[in-house]
Amino acid sequence: MKNIPLQVNIEGQGCKVNTDWLAIMATLKKRGLSQLELESVYFEVNAGMLVTTRGLTLARWVPSESLNGIIKEVTLSSQESPSLVTA
């Protein structure tokens, strides 16, 4: 199993946390999931499914989604010359 980015919601809370599979796998092991159950959860999440188990809701997180509104695409008007634009 490869490490994948995850978005996790703890049941009863409104906030979501971005983490990774290795961290969640350790938590799920402590909560009693067997290796076969862990593999099943991993493959379902990796396939894009939303998985709820042991009080956690897991979803694969695509990092580019969290950057919406933070990173601004630079565009030039037709009157600007690229040689005049500096970073």
Protein backbone atom coordinates (compact mmCIF):
# COMPACT_ATOMS: atom_id res chain seq x y z
CA MET A 1 0.00 0.00 0.00
CA LYS A 2 1.35 3.38 -1.04
CA ASN A 3 0.91 6.50 1.01
CA ILE A 4 -1.92 8.66 -0.34
CA PRO A 5 -3.20 12.07 0.81
CA LEU A 6 -6.51 11.89 2.66
CA GLN A 7 -9.16 14.23 3.92
CA VAL A 8 -10.62 12.98 7.19
CA ASN A 9 -13.74 14.00 9.06
CA ILE A 10 -14.24 12.84 12.63
CA GLU A 11 -17.88 11.93 13.27
CA GLY A 12 -19.71 14.64 15.15
CA GLN A 13 -17.32 17.41 14.10
CA GLY A 14 -17.76 19.81 11.22
CA CYS A 15 -14.11 20.33 10.37
CA LYS A 16 -11.99 18.22 8.03
CA VAL A 17 -8.33 17.40 8.44
CA ASN A 18 -5.83 16.74 5.66
CA THR A 19 -3.50 13.84 6.48
CA ASP A 20 -2.11 10.74 4.81
CA TRP A 21 -2.80 7.02 4.67
CA LEU A 22 0.10 5.97 6.91
CA ALA A 23 -1.13 8.16 9.78
CA ILE A 24 -4.73 7.00 9.44
CA MET A 25 -3.68 3.36 9.03
CA ALA A 26 -1.94 3.51 12.43
CA THR A 27 -5.06 5.03 13.99
CA LEU A 28 -7.32 2.38 12.44
CA LYS A 29 -5.02 -0.41 13.67
CA LYS A 30 -5.33 0.98 17.20
CA ARG A 31 -9.11 0.99 16.76
CA GLY A 32 -9.09 -2.73 15.95
CA LEU A 33 -9.12 -3.09 12.14
CA SER A 34 -7.47 -6.25 10.82
CA GLN A 35 -4.97 -6.20 7.96
CA LEU A 36 -7.65 -7.44 5.55
CA GLU A 37 -10.03 -4.68 6.65
CA LEU A 38 -7.27 -2.07 6.29
CA GLU A 39 -6.58 -3.24 2.74
CA SER A 40 -10.27 -3.04 1.91
CA VAL A 41 -10.52 0.53 3.24
CA TYR A 42 -7.33 1.49 1.37
CA PHE A 43 -8.56 0.16 -1.98
CA GLU A 44 -11.98 1.78 -1.59
CA VAL A 45 -10.50 5.18 -0.72
CA ASN A 46 -7.90 4.87 -3.48
CA ALA A 47 -10.73 4.16 -5.95
CA GLY A 48 -12.32 7.50 -5.02
CA MET A 49 -14.99 6.21 -2.67
CA LEU A 50 -16.00 7.90 0.58
CA VAL A 51 -15.40 5.42 3.41
CA THR A 52 -16.75 5.64 6.95
CA THR A 53 -15.24 3.38 9.60
CA ARG A 54 -14.49 3.51 13.30
CA GLY A 55 -15.80 7.06 13.69
CA LEU A 56 -13.84 8.46 10.74
CA THR A 57 -14.96 9.41 7.25
CA LEU A 58 -12.11 9.11 4.76
CA ALA A 59 -11.80 10.52 1.26
CA ARG A 60 -8.88 10.75 -1.11
CA TRP A 61 -7.60 14.32 -1.09
CA VAL A 62 -6.43 15.99 -4.28
CA PRO A 63 -3.96 18.69 -3.14
CA SER A 64 -4.81 21.05 -6.00
CA GLU A 65 -8.35 21.40 -4.62
CA SER A 66 -7.14 23.06 -1.43
CA LEU A 67 -5.29 25.77 -3.35
CA ASN A 68 -8.37 27.23 -5.02
CA GLY A 69 -8.49 30.93 -4.28
CA ILE A 70 -4.96 30.98 -2.89
CA ILE A 71 -2.95 30.67 -6.07
CA LYS A 72 -3.80 33.24 -8.70
CA GLU A 73 -3.16 32.52 -12.34
CA VAL A 74 -1.06 35.23 -13.93
CA THR A 75 -2.49 36.59 -17.16
CA LEU A 76 -1.18 39.32 -19.41
CA SER A 77 -3.34 41.82 -21.17
CA SER A 78 -2.86 42.30 -24.87
CA GLN A 79 -1.12 45.62 -24.14
CA GLU A 80 1.55 44.21 -21.81
CA SER A 81 4.80 42.82 -23.04
CA PRO A 82 6.07 39.67 -21.31
CA SER A 83 9.56 41.22 -21.11
CA LEU A 84 8.23 44.02 -18.90
CA VAL A 85 6.61 41.73 -16.36
CA THR A 86 8.81 40.80 -13.42
CA ALA A 87 8.10 38.52 -10.51
